[in-house]
N, C-alpha and C. Protein backbone atom coordinates (compact mmCIF):
# COMPACT_ATOMS: atom_id res chain seq x y z
N MET A 1 -1.55 6.60 1.90
CA MET A 1 -1.72 6.99 0.51
C MET A 1 -2.84 6.15 -0.09
N ASP A 2 -3.46 6.66 -1.10
CA ASP A 2 -4.54 5.92 -1.74
C ASP A 2 -3.99 4.78 -2.59
N ILE A 3 -4.84 3.80 -2.86
CA ILE A 3 -4.43 2.58 -3.56
C ILE A 3 -3.88 2.90 -4.96
N LEU A 4 -4.53 3.79 -5.68
CA LEU A 4 -4.06 4.13 -7.02
C LEU A 4 -2.64 4.70 -6.97
N ALA A 5 -2.37 5.62 -6.05
CA ALA A 5 -1.05 6.22 -5.96
C ALA A 5 0.00 5.17 -5.59
N HIS A 6 -0.33 4.25 -4.69
CA HIS A 6 0.62 3.18 -4.37
C HIS A 6 0.98 2.40 -5.63
N SER A 7 -0.02 2.07 -6.41
CA SER A 7 0.21 1.30 -7.64
C SER A 7 1.03 2.10 -8.64
N LEU A 8 0.72 3.37 -8.80
CA LEU A 8 1.46 4.21 -9.74
C LEU A 8 2.92 4.39 -9.32
N TRP A 9 3.17 4.63 -8.02
CA TRP A 9 4.55 4.76 -7.57
C TRP A 9 5.32 3.47 -7.79
N ALA A 10 4.69 2.33 -7.54
CA ALA A 10 5.36 1.05 -7.79
C ALA A 10 5.64 0.89 -9.28
N GLY A 11 4.69 1.31 -10.11
CA GLY A 11 4.89 1.23 -11.55
C GLY A 11 6.05 2.10 -12.01
N VAL A 12 6.14 3.31 -11.49
CA VAL A 12 7.26 4.20 -11.82
C VAL A 12 8.57 3.57 -11.35
N GLY A 13 8.54 3.02 -10.14
CA GLY A 13 9.75 2.41 -9.60
C GLY A 13 10.21 1.21 -10.41
N ILE A 14 9.29 0.35 -10.76
CA ILE A 14 9.67 -0.85 -11.52
C ILE A 14 10.12 -0.47 -12.94
N ALA A 15 9.50 0.58 -13.51
CA ALA A 15 9.92 1.04 -14.84
C ALA A 15 11.33 1.62 -14.78
N ALA A 16 11.62 2.39 -13.74
CA ALA A 16 12.95 2.98 -13.60
C ALA A 16 14.00 1.89 -13.36
N LEU A 17 13.70 0.92 -12.51
CA LEU A 17 14.63 -0.17 -12.25
C LEU A 17 14.78 -1.09 -13.45
N GLY A 18 13.75 -1.15 -14.27
CA GLY A 18 13.75 -2.05 -15.42
C GLY A 18 14.83 -1.77 -16.44
N ARG A 19 15.36 -0.57 -16.43
CA ARG A 19 16.45 -0.25 -17.36
C ARG A 19 17.76 -0.89 -16.91
N ARG A 20 17.91 -1.11 -15.62
CA ARG A 20 19.14 -1.69 -15.08
C ARG A 20 19.00 -3.20 -14.84
N LEU A 21 17.84 -3.61 -14.43
CA LEU A 21 17.55 -5.03 -14.18
C LEU A 21 16.37 -5.42 -15.04
N PRO A 22 16.57 -6.29 -15.99
CA PRO A 22 15.44 -6.65 -16.86
C PRO A 22 14.36 -7.42 -16.08
N PHE A 23 13.12 -6.99 -16.25
CA PHE A 23 11.98 -7.60 -15.58
C PHE A 23 11.02 -8.14 -16.62
N THR A 24 10.35 -9.21 -16.27
CA THR A 24 9.27 -9.69 -17.13
C THR A 24 8.03 -8.86 -16.82
N ARG A 25 7.10 -8.90 -17.73
CA ARG A 25 5.82 -8.22 -17.51
C ARG A 25 5.14 -8.79 -16.26
N ARG A 26 5.27 -10.10 -16.08
CA ARG A 26 4.67 -10.76 -14.91
C ARG A 26 5.25 -10.20 -13.62
N THR A 27 6.57 -10.00 -13.56
CA THR A 27 7.21 -9.43 -12.38
C THR A 27 6.69 -8.02 -12.12
N ALA A 28 6.55 -7.24 -13.16
CA ALA A 28 6.04 -5.87 -13.01
C ALA A 28 4.61 -5.88 -12.47
N VAL A 29 3.77 -6.75 -13.02
CA VAL A 29 2.37 -6.82 -12.58
C VAL A 29 2.29 -7.27 -11.12
N ILE A 30 3.08 -8.26 -10.75
CA ILE A 30 3.05 -8.74 -9.35
C ILE A 30 3.57 -7.65 -8.41
N THR A 31 4.61 -6.94 -8.80
CA THR A 31 5.15 -5.86 -7.97
C THR A 31 4.11 -4.78 -7.74
N ILE A 32 3.45 -4.36 -8.80
CA ILE A 32 2.42 -3.32 -8.69
C ILE A 32 1.24 -3.83 -7.86
N SER A 33 0.88 -5.09 -8.04
CA SER A 33 -0.22 -5.68 -7.26
C SER A 33 0.12 -5.74 -5.78
N LEU A 34 1.36 -6.11 -5.47
CA LEU A 34 1.76 -6.16 -4.06
C LEU A 34 1.81 -4.77 -3.43
N ALA A 35 2.01 -3.75 -4.24
CA ALA A 35 1.97 -2.37 -3.73
C ALA A 35 0.56 -1.97 -3.32
N ALA A 36 -0.44 -2.53 -3.96
CA ALA A 36 -1.84 -2.22 -3.64
C ALA A 36 -2.42 -3.17 -2.60
N LEU A 37 -1.88 -4.36 -2.51
CA LEU A 37 -2.46 -5.44 -1.71
C LEU A 37 -2.74 -5.10 -0.25
N PRO A 38 -1.86 -4.41 0.48
CA PRO A 38 -2.16 -4.15 1.89
C PRO A 38 -3.50 -3.44 2.11
N ASP A 39 -3.81 -2.47 1.28
CA ASP A 39 -5.08 -1.76 1.45
C ASP A 39 -6.27 -2.60 1.00
N VAL A 40 -6.04 -3.45 0.01
CA VAL A 40 -7.11 -4.33 -0.46
C VAL A 40 -7.43 -5.39 0.60
N LEU A 41 -6.39 -5.97 1.18
CA LEU A 41 -6.61 -7.03 2.18
C LEU A 41 -7.42 -6.56 3.37
N GLN A 42 -7.17 -5.35 3.85
CA GLN A 42 -7.91 -4.89 5.01
C GLN A 42 -9.38 -4.65 4.70
N MET A 43 -9.72 -4.55 3.42
CA MET A 43 -11.12 -4.38 3.02
C MET A 43 -11.87 -5.70 2.94
N LEU A 44 -11.15 -6.82 2.84
CA LEU A 44 -11.80 -8.11 2.64
C LEU A 44 -12.84 -8.48 3.70
N PRO A 45 -12.57 -8.27 5.00
CA PRO A 45 -13.62 -8.60 5.97
C PRO A 45 -14.90 -7.77 5.78
N VAL A 46 -14.73 -6.52 5.40
CA VAL A 46 -15.89 -5.65 5.18
C VAL A 46 -16.64 -6.10 3.93
N ILE A 47 -15.92 -6.44 2.88
CA ILE A 47 -16.55 -6.95 1.66
C ILE A 47 -17.24 -8.28 1.93
N GLY A 48 -16.58 -9.15 2.70
CA GLY A 48 -17.19 -10.43 3.07
C GLY A 48 -18.48 -10.24 3.85
N TRP A 49 -18.50 -9.29 4.75
CA TRP A 49 -19.71 -8.99 5.53
C TRP A 49 -20.83 -8.51 4.60
N TRP A 50 -20.46 -7.74 3.57
CA TRP A 50 -21.45 -7.27 2.60
C TRP A 50 -22.00 -8.45 1.79
N TRP A 51 -21.10 -9.30 1.27
CA TRP A 51 -21.53 -10.40 0.41
C TRP A 51 -22.23 -11.52 1.17
N LEU A 52 -21.75 -11.83 2.36
CA LEU A 52 -22.23 -13.00 3.08
C LEU A 52 -23.10 -12.69 4.29
N GLY A 53 -23.17 -11.43 4.66
CA GLY A 53 -23.91 -11.07 5.87
C GLY A 53 -24.95 -10.01 5.60
N ASP A 54 -25.06 -9.12 6.56
CA ASP A 54 -26.07 -8.07 6.50
C ASP A 54 -25.51 -6.73 6.02
N GLY A 55 -24.31 -6.74 5.50
CA GLY A 55 -23.67 -5.51 5.08
C GLY A 55 -24.25 -4.95 3.80
N THR A 56 -23.88 -3.72 3.52
CA THR A 56 -24.32 -3.06 2.29
C THR A 56 -23.11 -2.52 1.54
N PHE A 57 -23.31 -2.31 0.25
CA PHE A 57 -22.24 -1.70 -0.54
C PHE A 57 -21.93 -0.31 -0.01
N ALA A 58 -22.95 0.41 0.45
CA ALA A 58 -22.73 1.75 0.99
C ALA A 58 -21.78 1.71 2.19
N ALA A 59 -21.91 0.70 3.02
CA ALA A 59 -21.01 0.56 4.17
C ALA A 59 -19.59 0.27 3.71
N VAL A 60 -19.42 -0.55 2.68
CA VAL A 60 -18.09 -0.84 2.14
C VAL A 60 -17.48 0.45 1.59
N ARG A 61 -18.25 1.17 0.80
CA ARG A 61 -17.76 2.44 0.23
C ARG A 61 -17.40 3.42 1.33
N ASP A 62 -18.28 3.55 2.32
CA ASP A 62 -18.03 4.49 3.41
C ASP A 62 -16.79 4.10 4.22
N PHE A 63 -16.58 2.80 4.39
CA PHE A 63 -15.39 2.33 5.11
C PHE A 63 -14.13 2.67 4.31
N ALA A 64 -14.19 2.49 3.00
CA ALA A 64 -13.03 2.72 2.14
C ALA A 64 -12.58 4.19 2.15
N ILE A 65 -13.51 5.11 2.31
CA ILE A 65 -13.17 6.54 2.24
C ILE A 65 -13.32 7.25 3.58
N ALA A 66 -13.51 6.49 4.64
CA ALA A 66 -13.77 7.10 5.95
C ALA A 66 -12.55 7.82 6.51
N VAL A 67 -12.82 8.85 7.23
CA VAL A 67 -11.79 9.50 8.03
C VAL A 67 -11.99 9.03 9.47
N PRO A 68 -10.96 9.07 10.28
CA PRO A 68 -11.09 8.58 11.65
C PRO A 68 -12.28 9.21 12.38
N GLY A 69 -13.02 8.37 13.06
CA GLY A 69 -14.18 8.82 13.81
C GLY A 69 -15.45 8.87 12.97
N GLN A 70 -15.34 8.68 11.67
CA GLN A 70 -16.51 8.72 10.80
C GLN A 70 -16.71 7.41 10.04
N GLU A 71 -16.11 6.33 10.56
CA GLU A 71 -16.29 5.04 9.94
C GLU A 71 -17.74 4.59 10.10
N PRO A 72 -18.25 3.81 9.15
CA PRO A 72 -19.62 3.30 9.29
C PRO A 72 -19.68 2.28 10.41
N LEU A 73 -20.87 2.07 10.91
CA LEU A 73 -21.05 1.05 11.95
C LEU A 73 -20.90 -0.33 11.32
N LEU A 74 -19.99 -1.10 11.86
CA LEU A 74 -19.72 -2.45 11.37
C LEU A 74 -19.74 -3.39 12.57
N PRO A 75 -20.02 -4.66 12.34
CA PRO A 75 -19.93 -5.62 13.45
C PRO A 75 -18.53 -5.62 14.05
N SER A 76 -18.45 -5.81 15.35
CA SER A 76 -17.15 -5.75 16.02
C SER A 76 -16.17 -6.79 15.48
N ALA A 77 -16.65 -7.97 15.10
CA ALA A 77 -15.74 -8.99 14.55
C ALA A 77 -15.15 -8.54 13.22
N VAL A 78 -15.94 -7.87 12.40
CA VAL A 78 -15.46 -7.37 11.11
C VAL A 78 -14.40 -6.29 11.34
N LEU A 79 -14.68 -5.39 12.26
CA LEU A 79 -13.70 -4.34 12.58
C LEU A 79 -12.42 -4.93 13.15
N PHE A 80 -12.54 -5.92 14.01
CA PHE A 80 -11.39 -6.55 14.64
C PHE A 80 -10.49 -7.20 13.58
N VAL A 81 -11.09 -8.00 12.71
CA VAL A 81 -10.30 -8.69 11.68
C VAL A 81 -9.70 -7.68 10.71
N SER A 82 -10.46 -6.71 10.29
CA SER A 82 -9.96 -5.69 9.36
C SER A 82 -8.80 -4.92 9.98
N HIS A 83 -8.95 -4.54 11.24
CA HIS A 83 -7.90 -3.79 11.92
C HIS A 83 -6.60 -4.59 11.99
N HIS A 84 -6.70 -5.85 12.38
CA HIS A 84 -5.48 -6.65 12.53
C HIS A 84 -4.87 -7.05 11.17
N LEU A 85 -5.71 -7.19 10.16
CA LEU A 85 -5.15 -7.38 8.81
C LEU A 85 -4.37 -6.13 8.39
N HIS A 86 -4.97 -4.96 8.65
CA HIS A 86 -4.30 -3.69 8.35
C HIS A 86 -2.94 -3.63 9.05
N CYS A 87 -2.95 -3.92 10.34
CA CYS A 87 -1.70 -3.87 11.11
C CYS A 87 -0.67 -4.86 10.58
N THR A 88 -1.11 -6.07 10.27
CA THR A 88 -0.21 -7.12 9.82
C THR A 88 0.45 -6.76 8.49
N VAL A 89 -0.34 -6.32 7.52
CA VAL A 89 0.21 -6.08 6.18
C VAL A 89 0.90 -4.72 6.04
N HIS A 90 0.80 -3.86 7.06
CA HIS A 90 1.51 -2.59 7.07
C HIS A 90 2.72 -2.65 8.01
N SER A 91 3.10 -3.83 8.44
CA SER A 91 4.18 -4.00 9.41
C SER A 91 5.49 -4.34 8.72
N ALA A 92 6.53 -3.56 9.03
CA ALA A 92 7.87 -3.87 8.53
C ALA A 92 8.40 -5.14 9.20
N VAL A 93 7.94 -5.43 10.40
CA VAL A 93 8.35 -6.65 11.08
C VAL A 93 7.85 -7.87 10.30
N VAL A 94 6.57 -7.85 9.95
CA VAL A 94 5.98 -8.96 9.18
C VAL A 94 6.61 -9.03 7.79
N ALA A 95 6.71 -7.89 7.11
CA ALA A 95 7.31 -7.88 5.77
C ALA A 95 8.76 -8.34 5.83
N GLY A 96 9.47 -7.97 6.87
CA GLY A 96 10.85 -8.41 7.03
C GLY A 96 10.95 -9.92 7.20
N LEU A 97 10.06 -10.49 7.99
CA LEU A 97 10.06 -11.94 8.17
C LEU A 97 9.73 -12.66 6.86
N VAL A 98 8.74 -12.16 6.13
CA VAL A 98 8.37 -12.76 4.85
C VAL A 98 9.53 -12.63 3.86
N THR A 99 10.15 -11.46 3.82
CA THR A 99 11.28 -11.24 2.91
C THR A 99 12.43 -12.18 3.25
N ALA A 100 12.73 -12.33 4.53
CA ALA A 100 13.81 -13.23 4.94
C ALA A 100 13.49 -14.68 4.57
N LEU A 101 12.24 -15.08 4.76
CA LEU A 101 11.84 -16.44 4.42
C LEU A 101 11.95 -16.68 2.91
N VAL A 102 11.44 -15.74 2.12
CA VAL A 102 11.51 -15.87 0.67
C VAL A 102 12.97 -15.86 0.21
N TRP A 103 13.78 -15.00 0.81
CA TRP A 103 15.20 -14.94 0.47
C TRP A 103 15.88 -16.27 0.79
N TYR A 104 15.54 -16.85 1.94
CA TYR A 104 16.11 -18.14 2.34
C TYR A 104 15.75 -19.24 1.34
N VAL A 105 14.48 -19.25 0.91
CA VAL A 105 14.02 -20.28 -0.02
C VAL A 105 14.61 -20.07 -1.41
N ARG A 106 14.58 -18.84 -1.90
CA ARG A 106 15.02 -18.54 -3.27
C ARG A 106 16.52 -18.25 -3.38
N ARG A 107 17.15 -17.93 -2.25
CA ARG A 107 18.55 -17.53 -2.22
C ARG A 107 18.80 -16.22 -2.98
N ALA A 108 17.76 -15.42 -3.06
CA ALA A 108 17.85 -14.12 -3.72
C ALA A 108 16.62 -13.29 -3.35
N LEU A 109 16.75 -12.00 -3.53
CA LEU A 109 15.61 -11.11 -3.30
C LEU A 109 14.57 -11.34 -4.39
N TRP A 110 13.32 -11.49 -3.99
CA TRP A 110 12.23 -11.60 -4.95
C TRP A 110 11.74 -10.18 -5.20
N ILE A 111 12.03 -9.63 -6.36
CA ILE A 111 11.77 -8.23 -6.69
C ILE A 111 10.33 -7.79 -6.40
N PRO A 112 9.29 -8.59 -6.67
CA PRO A 112 7.93 -8.11 -6.39
C PRO A 112 7.69 -7.70 -4.94
N LEU A 113 8.47 -8.24 -4.00
CA LEU A 113 8.30 -7.81 -2.61
C LEU A 113 8.60 -6.32 -2.43
N LEU A 114 9.34 -5.73 -3.35
CA LEU A 114 9.61 -4.29 -3.27
C LEU A 114 8.31 -3.49 -3.39
N GLY A 115 7.31 -4.04 -4.07
CA GLY A 115 6.01 -3.36 -4.13
C GLY A 115 5.38 -3.26 -2.75
N TRP A 116 5.42 -4.35 -2.00
CA TRP A 116 4.89 -4.34 -0.63
C TRP A 116 5.70 -3.39 0.25
N TRP A 117 7.03 -3.48 0.14
CA TRP A 117 7.88 -2.60 0.93
C TRP A 117 7.62 -1.13 0.59
N SER A 118 7.41 -0.84 -0.69
CA SER A 118 7.14 0.56 -1.06
C SER A 118 5.85 1.04 -0.40
N HIS A 119 4.86 0.17 -0.32
CA HIS A 119 3.59 0.53 0.33
C HIS A 119 3.84 0.90 1.79
N ILE A 120 4.58 0.06 2.49
CA ILE A 120 4.84 0.29 3.91
C ILE A 120 5.60 1.60 4.10
N VAL A 121 6.68 1.78 3.35
CA VAL A 121 7.50 2.98 3.51
C VAL A 121 6.70 4.24 3.20
N ILE A 122 5.96 4.23 2.12
CA ILE A 122 5.15 5.39 1.76
C ILE A 122 4.12 5.70 2.84
N ASP A 123 3.44 4.65 3.33
CA ASP A 123 2.39 4.88 4.33
C ASP A 123 2.94 5.39 5.66
N VAL A 124 4.15 5.02 6.01
CA VAL A 124 4.73 5.52 7.26
C VAL A 124 4.72 7.04 7.25
N PHE A 125 5.04 7.63 6.11
CA PHE A 125 5.17 9.09 6.03
C PHE A 125 3.90 9.79 5.54
N THR A 126 2.93 9.04 5.02
CA THR A 126 1.73 9.68 4.47
C THR A 126 0.47 9.35 5.26
N HIS A 127 0.65 8.94 6.49
CA HIS A 127 -0.46 8.78 7.42
C HIS A 127 -0.08 9.48 8.71
N SER A 128 -1.00 10.27 9.23
CA SER A 128 -0.71 11.01 10.45
C SER A 128 -1.28 10.25 11.66
N ALA A 129 -0.92 10.71 12.83
CA ALA A 129 -1.47 10.11 14.06
C ALA A 129 -2.99 10.26 14.08
N ASP A 130 -3.49 11.28 13.41
CA ASP A 130 -4.94 11.50 13.34
C ASP A 130 -5.58 10.78 12.17
N TYR A 131 -4.78 10.19 11.29
CA TYR A 131 -5.33 9.54 10.11
C TYR A 131 -4.67 8.19 9.88
N TYR A 132 -5.00 7.25 10.74
CA TYR A 132 -4.58 5.85 10.60
C TYR A 132 -3.06 5.70 10.44
N ALA A 133 -2.33 6.12 11.43
CA ALA A 133 -0.87 5.97 11.40
C ALA A 133 -0.52 4.49 11.15
N SER A 134 0.45 4.25 10.30
CA SER A 134 0.82 2.88 9.94
C SER A 134 1.61 2.23 11.08
N PRO A 135 1.15 1.09 11.54
CA PRO A 135 1.81 0.39 12.65
C PRO A 135 3.01 -0.41 12.16
N VAL A 136 4.06 0.28 11.80
CA VAL A 136 5.21 -0.33 11.14
C VAL A 136 5.93 -1.36 12.01
N LEU A 137 5.77 -1.30 13.31
CA LEU A 137 6.43 -2.26 14.20
C LEU A 137 5.45 -3.29 14.80
N TYR A 138 4.28 -3.42 14.21
CA TYR A 138 3.32 -4.43 14.65
C TYR A 138 3.94 -5.81 14.44
N PRO A 139 3.81 -6.75 15.31
CA PRO A 139 2.98 -6.85 16.51
C PRO A 139 3.64 -6.37 17.79
N ILE A 140 4.83 -5.78 17.68
CA ILE A 140 5.50 -5.25 18.88
C ILE A 140 4.68 -4.11 19.46
N THR A 141 4.22 -3.22 18.58
CA THR A 141 3.36 -2.11 19.00
C THR A 141 2.44 -1.74 17.84
N GLU A 142 1.31 -1.15 18.18
CA GLU A 142 0.38 -0.67 17.15
C GLU A 142 0.56 0.82 16.88
N ARG A 143 1.51 1.44 17.56
CA ARG A 143 1.77 2.86 17.35
C ARG A 143 2.40 3.07 15.98
N GLY A 144 2.16 4.24 15.43
CA GLY A 144 2.71 4.58 14.13
C GLY A 144 3.36 5.95 14.15
N PHE A 145 4.10 6.24 13.12
CA PHE A 145 4.77 7.52 12.94
C PHE A 145 3.73 8.58 12.57
N ASP A 146 3.90 9.78 13.08
CA ASP A 146 2.97 10.87 12.79
C ASP A 146 3.45 11.64 11.55
N GLY A 147 3.00 11.18 10.39
CA GLY A 147 3.38 11.82 9.13
C GLY A 147 2.32 12.80 8.67
N ILE A 148 2.30 13.08 7.39
CA ILE A 148 1.31 13.97 6.78
C ILE A 148 0.20 13.10 6.21
N ALA A 149 -1.03 13.38 6.55
CA ALA A 149 -2.15 12.61 6.03
C ALA A 149 -2.21 12.78 4.51
N TRP A 150 -2.23 11.66 3.80
CA TRP A 150 -2.19 11.69 2.33
C TRP A 150 -3.39 12.41 1.73
N ASN A 151 -4.50 12.46 2.47
CA ASN A 151 -5.68 13.11 1.91
C ASN A 151 -5.75 14.60 2.24
N THR A 152 -4.70 15.17 2.82
CA THR A 152 -4.62 16.61 2.99
C THR A 152 -4.57 17.20 1.57
N PRO A 153 -5.49 18.12 1.24
CA PRO A 153 -5.61 18.56 -0.16
C PRO A 153 -4.30 18.98 -0.83
N TRP A 154 -3.50 19.81 -0.19
CA TRP A 154 -2.26 20.26 -0.85
C TRP A 154 -1.30 19.09 -1.06
N PHE A 155 -1.26 18.14 -0.11
CA PHE A 155 -0.37 17.00 -0.23
C PHE A 155 -0.86 16.04 -1.30
N PHE A 156 -2.16 15.85 -1.37
CA PHE A 156 -2.76 14.98 -2.39
C PHE A 156 -2.39 15.49 -3.79
N VAL A 157 -2.55 16.79 -4.01
CA VAL A 157 -2.20 17.39 -5.30
C VAL A 157 -0.70 17.28 -5.56
N ALA A 158 0.11 17.59 -4.54
CA ALA A 158 1.57 17.52 -4.70
C ALA A 158 2.01 16.09 -5.03
N ASN A 159 1.38 15.10 -4.42
CA ASN A 159 1.73 13.70 -4.68
C ASN A 159 1.47 13.35 -6.14
N TYR A 160 0.29 13.72 -6.65
CA TYR A 160 -0.01 13.39 -8.04
C TYR A 160 0.81 14.21 -9.03
N LEU A 161 1.17 15.42 -8.67
CA LEU A 161 2.10 16.19 -9.52
C LEU A 161 3.47 15.52 -9.55
N ALA A 162 3.92 15.05 -8.38
CA ALA A 162 5.21 14.34 -8.32
C ALA A 162 5.15 13.04 -9.11
N LEU A 163 4.03 12.33 -9.03
CA LEU A 163 3.85 11.12 -9.82
C LEU A 163 3.92 11.43 -11.31
N GLY A 164 3.23 12.49 -11.71
CA GLY A 164 3.27 12.90 -13.11
C GLY A 164 4.68 13.25 -13.56
N ALA A 165 5.41 13.98 -12.73
CA ALA A 165 6.79 14.35 -13.07
C ALA A 165 7.67 13.11 -13.14
N ALA A 166 7.53 12.20 -12.19
CA ALA A 166 8.34 10.98 -12.19
C ALA A 166 8.00 10.11 -13.40
N GLY A 167 6.71 10.01 -13.71
CA GLY A 167 6.31 9.24 -14.89
C GLY A 167 6.84 9.85 -16.17
N LEU A 168 6.80 11.17 -16.26
CA LEU A 168 7.33 11.87 -17.43
C LEU A 168 8.84 11.66 -17.54
N TRP A 169 9.55 11.72 -16.42
CA TRP A 169 10.99 11.49 -16.42
C TRP A 169 11.30 10.08 -16.92
N VAL A 170 10.57 9.08 -16.43
CA VAL A 170 10.79 7.70 -16.87
C VAL A 170 10.52 7.59 -18.36
N TRP A 171 9.44 8.17 -18.83
CA TRP A 171 9.07 8.09 -20.24
C TRP A 171 10.13 8.76 -21.11
N ILE A 172 10.56 9.96 -20.73
CA ILE A 172 11.58 10.68 -21.49
C ILE A 172 12.90 9.91 -21.49
N SER A 173 13.26 9.37 -20.33
CA SER A 173 14.53 8.62 -20.26
C SER A 173 14.48 7.37 -21.13
N PHE A 174 13.33 6.74 -21.22
CA PHE A 174 13.21 5.57 -22.09
C PHE A 174 13.29 5.99 -23.56
N LYS A 175 12.69 7.12 -23.89
CA LYS A 175 12.75 7.60 -25.27
C LYS A 175 14.19 7.93 -25.67
N ARG A 176 14.96 8.42 -24.72
CA ARG A 176 16.36 8.76 -25.00
C ARG A 176 17.28 7.56 -24.84
N GLY A 177 16.76 6.46 -24.31
CA GLY A 177 17.55 5.26 -24.15
C GLY A 177 18.45 5.24 -22.94
N ARG A 178 18.13 6.07 -21.90
CA ARG A 178 18.91 6.07 -20.67
C ARG A 178 17.97 6.36 -19.51
N THR A 179 18.47 6.16 -18.29
CA THR A 179 17.69 6.48 -17.08
C THR A 179 18.29 7.63 -16.35
């Protein structure tokens, strides 16, 4: 799924949960940020190559919107680091370890981690084997589930219509004072 949709779904989720569990604005912002973070992190090596090396903004843009097989030419080290960052931050194994560690330290679930988890769960089903399947069991395997590619036109439109409907439901429920 695209970064904006990840952020919007996390925002709808945190708004809906906020009626039952009071959240600070800071918690909401961190949750929404963590929902976008996996896709942002995998871009950092490419952005670093642009800022510190021989890269161009056009290459960064092309990488961000590339479909498989049409990625811009990048140095192998940049591709390697970006690929493994992608695998790491889209892994339920890694997220599970981080969640367990945070839970152990805090003795409670840290709500903003739900933003990261929402990203992983959504991507499992919105990336196909032909369109960067999410390696949910990385580092055990880099294989991913064959879902529907989020950029398939009908699915892209349906996703944003569903977001609009969910956002409208949250807004109406808040106006009525219930969820």
